[in-house]
Amino acid sequence: MRTLTVTLLIAVVFVAAAKSKGASRSTLGYRECKDIKDDYRNIKEKGMKWIKPKPLSAICGVDGECPEVEELANRHCGFGIRELMAGKWVSTDLDESDGEQKYNRAFMRLFSYISGTGNDQGVNIPMTSPVVTQTNLDENYQQNGGSMHFYIPTEFQENPPNPTNEDVEIEDWDDVIVYYRAFGYKGQQVSEDIWKREFGYLALAFVDAGLDVVARKSITGTYTQPGVREQRHEAMFVAKNHHNLYWNPADHSWKESRGYKECRKYPNPSNTLKPRTVESMCGNNAQCPAVEDMESSRCGYGTRNIKAGSWVSTEIFASDGGDRYFMAFERLGSYIMGNNENSQEIEMTIPIITKNFLDENFEEKRVTMHFYLPPEFHENPPTPNDDLVEIEQWVDTVVFYRAIGNYNENVNTDADVKAVWEKEFTILGEVLGKAGESFYPYIAVTATFTLPTQGQQRQEAIFLQWNDHEEE
């Protein structure tokens, strides 16, 4: 039942895992990722071996009552998605002055309540599963207090006895969606290294799926008594904005996903997947600039008018070598994180825009990167502290675009990535020429709506309408 201190999610450190015993989806509640299975197989340390958990079907309604839950649709690997229905729980805070005994003493306060000695009716309340421990994390992701909880069984839900200990209380929980990973154990107390490993894999899995969580609260669930042969433990985070962030490509046609009708000449790509819809991200994943989608009877491209607004920008320097895009991103990221005259933090927006300025031979002259600033900063954005970062005011701009999704297994090298983009810009130029559109071919613009490897992606190849652009 011991809760670990979770490190910063994106900076998760992998701890080697143990040999998998082939747990099925019905046992775990989700499909395991192949790379995690491979990691488990490589672990040698006996105490760190992964052990198949006891399935919920052999616990809930068998060993005791569990809260009502619904397993939600999940096409991703490495974690489960579950909705925990509303209900009453008996709770107590972890007392830091109890030191290493804080978990045991919290458990005994709750156990006293359900055993009858700690409630005003003196009634014995059946033990339920799981025992839930929540740990609050500070801004540095260090432990900052926590609490322990028992679910109150159905027969006492409507009118549970009152606790006699002032450190114990009854809480009403609302419906909540959680992401979880399950594992078994043989022994009395799960080590912090194992909890750290499982929280690490959980964080990597939901980040890869493009999902978000309440990051400053880690949750553990223990479904079985310590020391029994078959155990089940779960590492959990509360989902944030799940129904908006979870996106299933099977629910959308290629036309809906792209935002335009593809030409018959260009079949569905062999090296990229279906792109995520703009509507599923803008306002959900992050704020986007205001745009007006423009109707077109033509195929092979979409047209939109990006409305005027403020953008923070920096040049991408060839002298920075292979890190040049990362260093440009870092400069802009630093600005929105407070490296400006007002020390003002600014919410991250999408898409990330990159402009490639080309000479008459279509060779690269210079490259710039841009973040859109939210509307509340348009009139008076804070001045950057970094001389390499500047604020730009963009006018209404009509653009033509083609959209792609994640790279697939055929794209493995930088050369493969370059070939994908060259193909998309070539097709975009061809379809615009055939449609009689006027566009400026010497600025190749890319728009990235999602961070690399994080969830279903959308990227766009863009040309600017000729009349709306003046050469720089």
Protein backbone atom coordinates (compact mmCIF):
# COMPACT_ATOMS: atom_id res chain seq x y z
CA MET A 1 0.00 0.00 0.00
CA ARG A 2 2.98 2.24 0.06
CA THR A 3 2.75 5.16 -2.38
CA LEU A 4 5.80 6.30 -4.23
CA THR A 5 6.85 9.80 -5.07
CA VAL A 6 6.39 10.19 -8.81
CA THR A 7 8.96 12.11 -10.79
CA LEU A 8 8.08 14.54 -13.56
CA LEU A 9 6.01 12.61 -16.08
CA ILE A 10 7.77 13.64 -19.23
CA ALA A 11 11.17 13.03 -17.63
CA VAL A 12 10.32 9.49 -16.57
CA VAL A 13 13.36 7.32 -15.90
CA PHE A 14 12.98 3.74 -17.07
CA VAL A 15 13.58 1.06 -14.47
CA ALA A 16 14.23 -2.36 -15.97
CA ALA A 17 11.22 -4.66 -15.79
CA ALA A 18 10.75 -8.37 -15.51
CA LYS A 19 9.96 -11.33 -17.71
CA SER A 20 6.31 -11.35 -18.79
CA LYS A 21 4.29 -14.44 -18.17
CA GLY A 22 1.92 -13.63 -21.01
CA ALA A 23 -0.87 -11.93 -19.09
CA SER A 24 -3.94 -11.61 -21.28
CA ARG A 25 -6.00 -8.51 -21.90
CA SER A 26 -8.78 -9.98 -19.74
CA THR A 27 -6.33 -10.26 -16.82
CA LEU A 28 -4.75 -6.83 -17.17
CA GLY A 29 -7.77 -4.94 -18.48
CA TYR A 30 -5.79 -3.67 -21.50
CA ARG A 31 -3.34 -4.72 -24.19
CA GLU A 32 0.31 -4.62 -23.16
CA CYS A 33 2.84 -2.83 -25.40
CA LYS A 34 5.45 -4.98 -27.12
CA ASP A 35 8.37 -2.80 -26.01
CA ILE A 36 7.27 -3.07 -22.38
CA LYS A 37 7.05 -6.84 -22.71
CA ASP A 38 10.57 -6.83 -24.14
CA ASP A 39 11.80 -4.74 -21.21
CA TYR A 40 10.22 -7.17 -18.77
CA ARG A 41 11.98 -10.10 -20.42
CA ASN A 42 15.37 -8.47 -19.94
CA ILE A 43 15.15 -7.97 -16.18
CA LYS A 44 17.42 -10.22 -14.12
CA GLU A 45 16.89 -9.01 -10.56
CA LYS A 46 14.52 -11.40 -8.83
CA GLY A 47 12.80 -8.82 -6.68
CA MET A 48 11.91 -6.71 -9.73
CA LYS A 49 10.33 -9.45 -11.81
CA TRP A 50 6.93 -8.65 -13.25
CA ILE A 51 4.22 -10.93 -11.89
CA LYS A 52 0.84 -11.48 -13.50
CA PRO A 53 -1.91 -9.79 -11.44
CA LYS A 54 -5.01 -11.49 -10.18
CA PRO A 55 -7.87 -10.59 -12.55
CA LEU A 56 -10.62 -8.32 -11.26
CA SER A 57 -13.18 -10.98 -12.15
CA ALA A 58 -11.65 -13.19 -9.44
CA ILE A 59 -11.72 -10.37 -6.85
CA CYS A 60 -14.79 -8.17 -7.25
CA GLY A 61 -17.89 -10.01 -6.07
CA VAL A 62 -15.75 -12.98 -5.02
CA ASP A 63 -13.33 -11.77 -2.36
CA GLY A 64 -15.54 -8.77 -1.60
CA GLU A 65 -17.38 -5.84 -3.12
CA CYS A 66 -15.70 -3.31 -5.41
CA PRO A 67 -16.96 0.08 -6.53
CA GLU A 68 -18.94 0.10 -9.76
CA VAL A 69 -16.71 0.72 -12.77
CA GLU A 70 -16.96 0.68 -16.56
CA GLU A 71 -13.99 -0.19 -18.74
CA LEU A 72 -13.91 2.32 -21.61
CA ALA A 73 -12.92 1.83 -25.24
CA ASN A 74 -9.15 1.81 -25.61
CA ARG A 75 -7.19 1.22 -28.80
CA HIS A 76 -3.87 2.07 -27.11
CA CYS A 77 -1.45 -0.26 -25.37
CA GLY A 78 0.23 -0.09 -21.98
CA PHE A 79 -2.67 1.14 -19.84
CA GLY A 80 -6.36 0.72 -19.18
CA ILE A 81 -9.11 3.34 -19.21
CA ARG A 82 -11.79 2.99 -16.56
CA GLU A 83 -14.67 5.12 -15.34
CA LEU A 84 -15.20 4.87 -11.60
CA MET A 85 -18.82 5.60 -10.74
CA ALA A 86 -19.88 8.03 -8.04
CA GLY A 87 -20.10 6.73 -4.47
CA LYS A 88 -19.20 7.23 -0.83
CA TRP A 89 -15.76 6.43 0.56
CA VAL A 90 -14.39 6.58 4.09
CA SER A 91 -11.15 8.55 4.12
CA THR A 92 -8.28 9.73 6.28
CA ASP A 93 -5.25 11.90 5.63
CA LEU A 94 -1.74 10.50 5.88
CA ASP A 95 -0.08 12.03 8.94
CA GLU A 96 3.50 12.96 8.06
CA SER A 97 4.40 13.04 11.77
CA ASP A 98 3.85 9.25 11.79
CA GLY A 99 6.92 8.84 9.59
CA GLU A 100 7.30 5.36 8.10
CA GLN A 101 4.21 4.24 9.99
CA LYS A 102 1.88 6.76 8.32
CA TYR A 103 0.41 4.19 5.89
CA ASN A 104 -0.15 1.53 8.56
CA ARG A 105 -1.74 4.01 10.97
CA ALA A 106 -3.98 5.45 8.26
CA PHE A 107 -5.09 1.91 7.40
CA MET A 108 -5.84 1.13 11.04
CA ARG A 109 -7.96 4.31 11.43
CA LEU A 110 -10.09 3.21 8.47
CA PHE A 111 -10.17 -0.41 9.64
CA SER A 112 -11.36 0.74 13.06
CA TYR A 113 -14.23 2.53 11.34
CA ILE A 114 -15.42 -0.51 9.37
CA SER A 115 -14.87 -2.93 12.30
CA GLY A 116 -17.40 -1.01 14.39
CA THR A 117 -15.16 0.45 17.08
CA GLY A 118 -14.71 3.63 15.06
CA ASN A 119 -18.29 4.41 13.98
CA ASP A 120 -21.26 5.77 15.95
CA GLN A 121 -23.49 2.78 15.29
CA GLY A 122 -20.94 0.17 16.31
CA VAL A 123 -21.75 -1.84 13.17
CA ASN A 124 -19.35 -4.09 11.32
CA ILE A 125 -18.97 -2.98 7.69
CA PRO A 126 -17.56 -5.53 5.20
CA MET A 127 -14.10 -4.79 3.81
CA THR A 128 -14.09 -3.79 0.15
CA SER A 129 -11.47 -3.52 -2.60
CA PRO A 130 -9.36 -1.68 -3.52
CA VAL A 131 -7.59 0.20 -0.76
CA VAL A 132 -6.85 3.50 -2.51
CA THR A 133 -3.96 5.77 -1.56
CA GLN A 134 -3.64 9.21 -3.15
CA THR A 135 -0.39 11.14 -2.98
CA ASN A 136 -0.31 14.88 -3.65
CA LEU A 137 2.76 16.19 -5.49
CA ASP A 138 4.25 19.67 -5.32
CA GLU A 139 5.54 21.71 -8.25
CA ASN A 140 8.77 19.69 -8.18
CA TYR A 141 6.79 16.43 -8.15
CA GLN A 142 7.83 15.66 -4.61
CA GLN A 143 5.37 14.16 -2.11
CA ASN A 144 3.25 16.77 -0.39
CA GLY A 145 0.73 14.92 1.74
CA GLY A 146 -1.84 12.32 0.83
CA SER A 147 -4.82 10.28 1.92
CA MET A 148 -6.16 6.71 2.15
CA HIS A 149 -9.66 5.50 1.27
CA PHE A 150 -11.97 2.47 1.62
CA TYR A 151 -15.06 2.15 -0.56
CA ILE A 152 -18.27 1.89 1.47
CA PRO A 153 -20.32 -1.16 0.40
CA THR A 154 -23.72 -0.81 -1.24
CA GLU A 155 -25.82 -1.57 1.87
CA PHE A 156 -24.27 1.42 3.68
CA GLN A 157 -24.00 3.83 0.73
CA GLU A 158 -27.20 5.74 1.40
CA ASN A 159 -26.65 6.33 5.11
CA PRO A 160 -23.19 5.29 6.33
CA PRO A 161 -22.41 5.45 10.06
CA ASN A 162 -20.56 8.54 11.21
CA PRO A 163 -16.90 8.12 12.17
CA THR A 164 -16.07 8.69 15.83
CA ASN A 165 -12.47 9.63 15.03
CA GLU A 166 -12.15 13.26 13.94
CA ASP A 167 -9.36 12.23 11.56
CA VAL A 168 -11.76 10.02 9.59
CA GLU A 169 -14.51 11.33 7.32
CA ILE A 170 -17.06 10.22 4.73
CA GLU A 171 -16.50 11.60 1.22
CA ASP A 172 -18.82 11.69 -1.77
CA TRP A 173 -16.86 11.01 -4.95
CA ASP A 174 -18.14 12.02 -8.37
CA ASP A 175 -17.77 9.88 -11.48
CA VAL A 176 -14.12 9.94 -12.52
CA ILE A 177 -12.06 8.45 -15.36
CA VAL A 178 -8.66 6.98 -14.52
CA TYR A 179 -5.77 5.52 -16.52
CA TYR A 180 -4.15 2.54 -14.85
CA ARG A 181 -1.54 -0.22 -15.03
CA ALA A 182 -1.89 -3.51 -13.14
CA PHE A 183 0.68 -5.92 -11.72
CA GLY A 184 0.97 -8.74 -9.22
CA TYR A 185 3.40 -9.24 -6.36
CA LYS A 186 4.64 -11.92 -3.96
CA GLY A 187 5.40 -10.48 -0.57
CA GLN A 188 4.14 -8.10 2.08
CA GLN A 189 4.90 -4.67 0.62
CA VAL A 190 5.49 -3.56 -2.96
CA SER A 191 8.84 -1.79 -3.25
CA GLU A 192 9.06 1.83 -4.34
CA ASP A 193 11.22 0.75 -7.29
CA ILE A 194 8.36 -1.36 -8.64
CA TRP A 195 5.84 1.45 -8.13
CA LYS A 196 8.26 3.80 -9.87
CA ARG A 197 8.60 1.42 -12.80
CA GLU A 198 4.85 1.01 -13.24
CA PHE A 199 4.08 4.72 -12.90
CA GLY A 200 6.85 5.36 -15.42
CA TYR A 201 5.36 2.99 -17.98
CA LEU A 202 1.90 4.40 -17.32
CA ALA A 203 3.11 7.96 -17.94
CA LEU A 204 4.90 7.02 -21.14
CA ALA A 205 1.85 5.13 -22.41
CA PHE A 206 -0.72 7.88 -21.95
CA VAL A 207 1.67 10.57 -23.21
CA ASP A 208 2.27 8.46 -26.32
CA ALA A 209 -1.53 8.24 -26.71
CA GLY A 210 -1.79 12.04 -26.60
CA LEU A 211 -3.81 12.01 -23.37
CA ASP A 212 -3.51 14.17 -20.26
CA VAL A 213 -3.89 13.63 -16.52
CA VAL A 214 -4.08 15.43 -13.21
CA ALA A 215 -0.32 15.27 -12.90
CA ARG A 216 0.08 16.26 -9.28
CA LYS A 217 -1.86 13.38 -7.80
CA SER A 218 -0.59 9.80 -8.07
CA ILE A 219 -2.92 7.00 -6.99
CA THR A 220 -2.33 3.40 -5.97
CA GLY A 221 -4.99 0.73 -5.66
CA THR A 222 -4.41 -2.51 -3.74
CA TYR A 223 -7.07 -5.15 -4.32
CA THR A 224 -5.68 -8.04 -2.28
CA GLN A 225 -4.27 -8.63 1.18
CA PRO A 226 -0.49 -8.34 1.63
CA GLY A 227 1.35 -11.64 1.45
CA VAL A 228 -1.29 -13.70 -0.37
CA ARG A 229 -0.14 -15.77 -3.34
CA GLU A 230 -2.18 -13.91 -5.98
CA GLN A 231 -2.18 -10.13 -5.69
CA ARG A 232 -3.35 -7.20 -7.77
CA HIS A 233 -2.00 -3.69 -7.51
CA GLU A 234 -2.68 -0.74 -9.81
CA ALA A 235 -0.85 2.52 -10.51
CA MET A 236 -3.34 5.21 -11.53
CA PHE A 237 -3.72 8.80 -12.64
CA VAL A 238 -6.98 10.73 -12.94
CA ALA A 239 -7.69 11.53 -16.59
CA LYS A 240 -8.06 15.13 -17.67
CA ASN A 241 -10.49 16.02 -20.46
CA HIS A 242 -10.58 12.38 -21.62
CA HIS A 243 -13.61 12.47 -23.89
CA ASN A 244 -12.21 15.41 -25.83
CA LEU A 245 -8.63 14.10 -26.07
CA TYR A 246 -9.34 10.45 -26.90
CA TRP A 247 -9.62 10.14 -30.67
CA ASN A 248 -10.38 7.02 -32.69
CA PRO A 249 -9.44 7.29 -36.39
CA ALA A 250 -11.97 4.58 -37.26
CA ASP A 251 -14.73 7.07 -36.37
CA HIS A 252 -13.69 9.43 -39.18
CA SER A 253 -13.37 9.09 -42.93
CA TRP A 254 -10.19 10.11 -44.70
CA LYS A 255 -12.01 13.17 -46.06
CA GLU A 256 -13.15 14.21 -42.57
CA SER A 257 -9.66 13.65 -41.16
CA ARG A 258 -7.84 15.58 -43.88
CA GLY A 259 -10.38 18.38 -44.15
CA TYR A 260 -10.70 18.00 -47.93
CA LYS A 261 -11.40 15.44 -50.67
CA GLU A 262 -8.34 13.63 -52.02
CA CYS A 263 -7.77 13.34 -55.77
CA ARG A 264 -8.09 9.85 -57.24
CA LYS A 265 -4.59 10.23 -58.63
CA TYR A 266 -3.17 10.16 -55.09
CA PRO A 267 -4.24 7.03 -53.14
CA ASN A 268 -4.08 6.82 -49.35
CA PRO A 269 -0.39 7.12 -48.40
CA SER A 270 1.82 4.12 -47.77
CA ASN A 271 4.17 5.89 -45.34
CA THR A 272 1.83 7.93 -43.13
CA LEU A 273 -1.38 7.24 -41.23
CA LYS A 274 -4.73 8.99 -41.17
CA PRO A 275 -4.32 12.49 -39.65
CA ARG A 276 -6.25 13.60 -36.62
CA THR A 277 -9.02 16.12 -37.26
CA VAL A 278 -8.37 19.77 -36.42
CA GLU A 279 -11.66 19.91 -34.52
CA SER A 280 -10.58 17.14 -32.15
CA MET A 281 -7.54 19.14 -31.03
CA CYS A 282 -8.25 22.86 -31.20
CA GLY A 283 -9.90 23.89 -27.96
CA ASN A 284 -9.27 20.43 -26.49
CA ASN A 285 -5.55 19.68 -26.69
CA ALA A 286 -4.71 23.37 -26.84
CA GLN A 287 -5.85 26.71 -28.20
CA CYS A 288 -5.44 27.40 -31.93
CA PRO A 289 -5.48 30.61 -33.95
CA ALA A 290 -8.88 31.65 -35.30
CA VAL A 291 -9.40 30.36 -38.84
CA GLU A 292 -12.09 30.37 -41.49
CA ASP A 293 -12.36 27.18 -43.55
CA MET A 294 -13.07 28.05 -47.18
CA GLU A 295 -15.22 25.92 -49.45
CA SER A 296 -13.62 24.39 -52.53
CA SER A 297 -14.88 22.04 -55.25
CA ARG A 298 -11.31 20.99 -56.02
CA CYS A 299 -9.53 17.90 -54.73
CA GLY A 300 -6.15 17.35 -53.12
CA TYR A 301 -5.98 20.34 -50.79
CA GLY A 302 -7.85 22.39 -48.24
CA THR A 303 -8.11 26.18 -48.01
CA ARG A 304 -8.39 28.28 -44.87
CA ASN A 305 -7.98 31.89 -43.82
CA ILE A 306 -5.80 32.24 -40.72
CA LYS A 307 -6.99 35.35 -38.92
CA ALA A 308 -4.68 38.14 -37.80
CA GLY A 309 -2.91 37.70 -34.49
CA SER A 310 0.34 37.83 -32.53
CA TRP A 311 3.00 35.13 -32.84
CA VAL A 312 6.31 34.66 -31.05
CA SER A 313 9.09 33.76 -33.45
CA THR A 314 12.73 32.79 -33.73
CA GLU A 315 15.14 31.87 -36.49
CA ILE A 316 16.40 28.30 -36.85
CA PHE A 317 20.16 28.54 -37.30
CA ALA A 318 22.05 26.11 -39.51
CA SER A 319 25.06 26.64 -37.26
CA ASP A 320 23.21 24.77 -34.49
CA GLY A 321 23.54 21.58 -36.54
CA GLY A 322 21.32 18.62 -35.78
CA ASP A 323 19.89 20.33 -32.70
CA ARG A 324 18.77 23.45 -34.54
CA TYR A 325 15.01 22.70 -34.46
CA PHE A 326 15.15 21.66 -30.82
CA MET A 327 17.09 24.79 -29.85
CA ALA A 328 14.58 27.02 -31.66
CA PHE A 329 11.71 25.22 -29.94
CA GLU A 330 13.50 25.63 -26.60
CA ARG A 331 13.86 29.40 -27.12
CA LEU A 332 10.15 29.79 -27.84
CA GLY A 333 9.27 27.43 -25.01
CA SER A 334 11.38 29.47 -22.63
CA TYR A 335 9.52 32.62 -23.65
CA ILE A 336 6.08 31.20 -22.90
CA MET A 337 7.35 29.70 -19.63
CA GLY A 338 8.24 33.16 -18.35
CA ASN A 339 11.49 34.28 -20.01
CA ASN A 340 9.96 37.64 -20.89
CA GLU A 341 9.90 41.11 -19.37
CA ASN A 342 6.81 40.36 -17.26
CA SER A 343 7.91 36.86 -16.20
CA GLN A 344 4.51 35.93 -17.57
CA GLU A 345 3.66 32.28 -18.19
CA ILE A 346 1.68 31.79 -21.39
CA GLU A 347 -0.33 28.72 -22.33
CA MET A 348 1.14 26.53 -25.09
CA THR A 349 -0.88 26.65 -28.30
CA ILE A 350 -1.00 24.67 -31.54
CA PRO A 351 0.10 24.37 -34.26
CA ILE A 352 3.85 24.92 -34.23
CA ILE A 353 4.62 26.68 -37.50
CA THR A 354 7.92 26.35 -39.37
CA LYS A 355 8.63 28.49 -42.45
CA ASN A 356 11.30 27.46 -44.94
CA PHE A 357 12.32 30.39 -47.17
CA LEU A 358 13.72 29.16 -50.50
CA ASP A 359 15.77 30.82 -53.23
CA GLU A 360 14.93 30.71 -56.94
CA ASN A 361 16.56 27.28 -57.18
CA PHE A 362 14.41 26.05 -54.28
CA GLU A 363 17.41 25.83 -51.98
CA GLU A 364 16.91 26.75 -48.34
CA LYS A 365 17.85 30.35 -47.44
CA ARG A 366 16.55 30.58 -43.88
CA VAL A 367 14.11 28.85 -41.58
CA THR A 368 11.95 30.26 -38.80
CA MET A 369 9.71 28.78 -36.08
CA HIS A 370 6.56 30.32 -34.61
CA PHE A 371 4.14 29.84 -31.68
CA TYR A 372 0.73 31.48 -31.74
CA LEU A 373 -0.04 33.69 -28.72
CA PRO A 374 -3.50 33.41 -27.10
CA PRO A 375 -5.87 36.36 -27.82
CA GLU A 376 -5.42 37.90 -24.36
CA PHE A 377 -1.80 38.67 -25.34
CA HIS A 378 -2.47 40.11 -28.79
CA GLU A 379 -2.70 43.76 -27.80
CA ASN A 380 0.27 43.87 -25.46
CA PRO A 381 2.39 40.70 -25.51
CA PRO A 382 5.33 40.70 -23.08
CA THR A 383 8.66 41.54 -24.66
CA PRO A 384 11.07 38.58 -24.94
CA ASN A 385 14.24 38.68 -22.84
CA ASP A 386 16.10 36.68 -25.48
CA ASP A 387 17.35 38.81 -28.38
CA LEU A 388 16.83 35.84 -30.71
CA VAL A 389 13.10 35.82 -30.00
CA GLU A 390 10.67 38.43 -31.33
CA ILE A 391 6.95 39.16 -31.49
CA GLU A 392 5.34 39.32 -34.93
CA GLN A 393 1.93 40.64 -35.91
CA TRP A 394 0.42 38.51 -38.66
CA VAL A 395 -2.35 39.76 -40.94
CA ASP A 396 -5.21 37.62 -42.25
CA THR A 397 -3.56 35.00 -44.47
CA VAL A 398 -5.18 32.55 -46.89
CA VAL A 399 -3.29 29.26 -47.05
CA PHE A 400 -3.56 25.99 -48.99
CA TYR A 401 -2.70 22.78 -47.15
CA ARG A 402 -2.32 19.01 -47.28
CA ALA A 403 -2.55 16.95 -44.08
CA ILE A 404 -0.75 13.80 -42.95
CA GLY A 405 -0.79 11.76 -39.75
CA ASN A 406 1.83 9.71 -37.94
CA TYR A 407 4.75 8.26 -39.87
CA ASN A 408 4.44 4.49 -40.16
CA GLU A 409 7.03 1.71 -39.98
CA ASN A 410 8.31 2.58 -43.47
CA VAL A 411 9.70 5.91 -42.23
CA ASN A 412 12.85 5.24 -40.21
CA THR A 413 15.47 7.87 -41.11
CA ASP A 414 15.78 11.62 -41.58
CA ALA A 415 15.97 10.93 -45.31
CA ASP A 416 12.65 9.07 -45.14
CA VAL A 417 11.03 12.00 -43.34
CA LYS A 418 12.42 14.46 -45.87
CA ALA A 419 11.03 12.32 -48.71
CA VAL A 420 7.56 12.37 -47.11
CA TRP A 421 7.51 16.17 -46.98
CA GLU A 422 8.98 16.61 -50.46
CA LYS A 423 6.23 14.39 -51.82
CA GLU A 424 3.48 16.33 -50.01
CA PHE A 425 4.77 19.72 -51.18
CA THR A 426 5.17 18.40 -54.74
CA ILE A 427 1.59 17.13 -54.78
CA LEU A 428 0.34 20.37 -53.23
CA GLY A 429 2.06 22.38 -55.94
CA GLU A 430 0.61 20.11 -58.64
CA VAL A 431 -3.00 20.27 -57.43
CA LEU A 432 -2.85 24.04 -56.87
CA GLY A 433 -1.45 24.56 -60.36
CA LYS A 434 -4.14 22.38 -61.89
CA ALA A 435 -6.81 24.27 -59.93
CA GLY A 436 -5.46 27.62 -61.16
CA GLU A 437 -4.67 28.87 -57.66
CA SER A 438 -2.07 31.60 -57.21
CA PHE A 439 0.42 30.62 -54.53
CA TYR A 440 3.91 31.56 -53.46
CA PRO A 441 6.21 28.53 -53.99
CA TYR A 442 9.28 29.99 -52.26
CA ILE A 443 7.96 29.65 -48.71
CA ALA A 444 7.27 26.06 -47.67
CA VAL A 445 5.36 26.06 -44.39
CA THR A 446 4.80 23.12 -42.06
CA ALA A 447 2.27 23.05 -39.23
CA THR A 448 2.57 20.49 -36.43
CA PHE A 449 -0.49 20.09 -34.22
CA THR A 450 0.94 17.46 -31.87
CA LEU A 451 4.34 16.84 -30.32
CA PRO A 452 6.34 14.03 -31.95
CA THR A 453 5.37 10.51 -30.74
CA GLN A 454 2.54 11.92 -28.63
CA GLY A 455 -0.76 10.47 -29.75
CA GLN A 456 -2.50 10.53 -33.09
CA GLN A 457 -0.84 13.31 -35.02
CA ARG A 458 -1.69 15.94 -37.57
CA GLN A 459 0.88 17.72 -39.68
CA GLU A 460 0.32 19.98 -42.64
CA ALA A 461 2.28 21.07 -45.69
CA ILE A 462 1.25 24.64 -46.53
CA PHE A 463 1.68 27.18 -49.31
CA LEU A 464 0.55 30.79 -48.91
CA GLN A 465 -1.85 32.40 -51.34
CA TRP A 466 0.13 34.78 -53.55
CA ASN A 467 -1.94 37.92 -52.95
CA ASP A 468 -1.67 37.61 -49.19
CA HIS A 469 2.09 37.49 -48.96
CA GLU A 470 4.95 39.87 -49.53
CA GLU A 471 8.39 38.35 -49.97
CA GLU A 472 10.69 38.80 -46.98
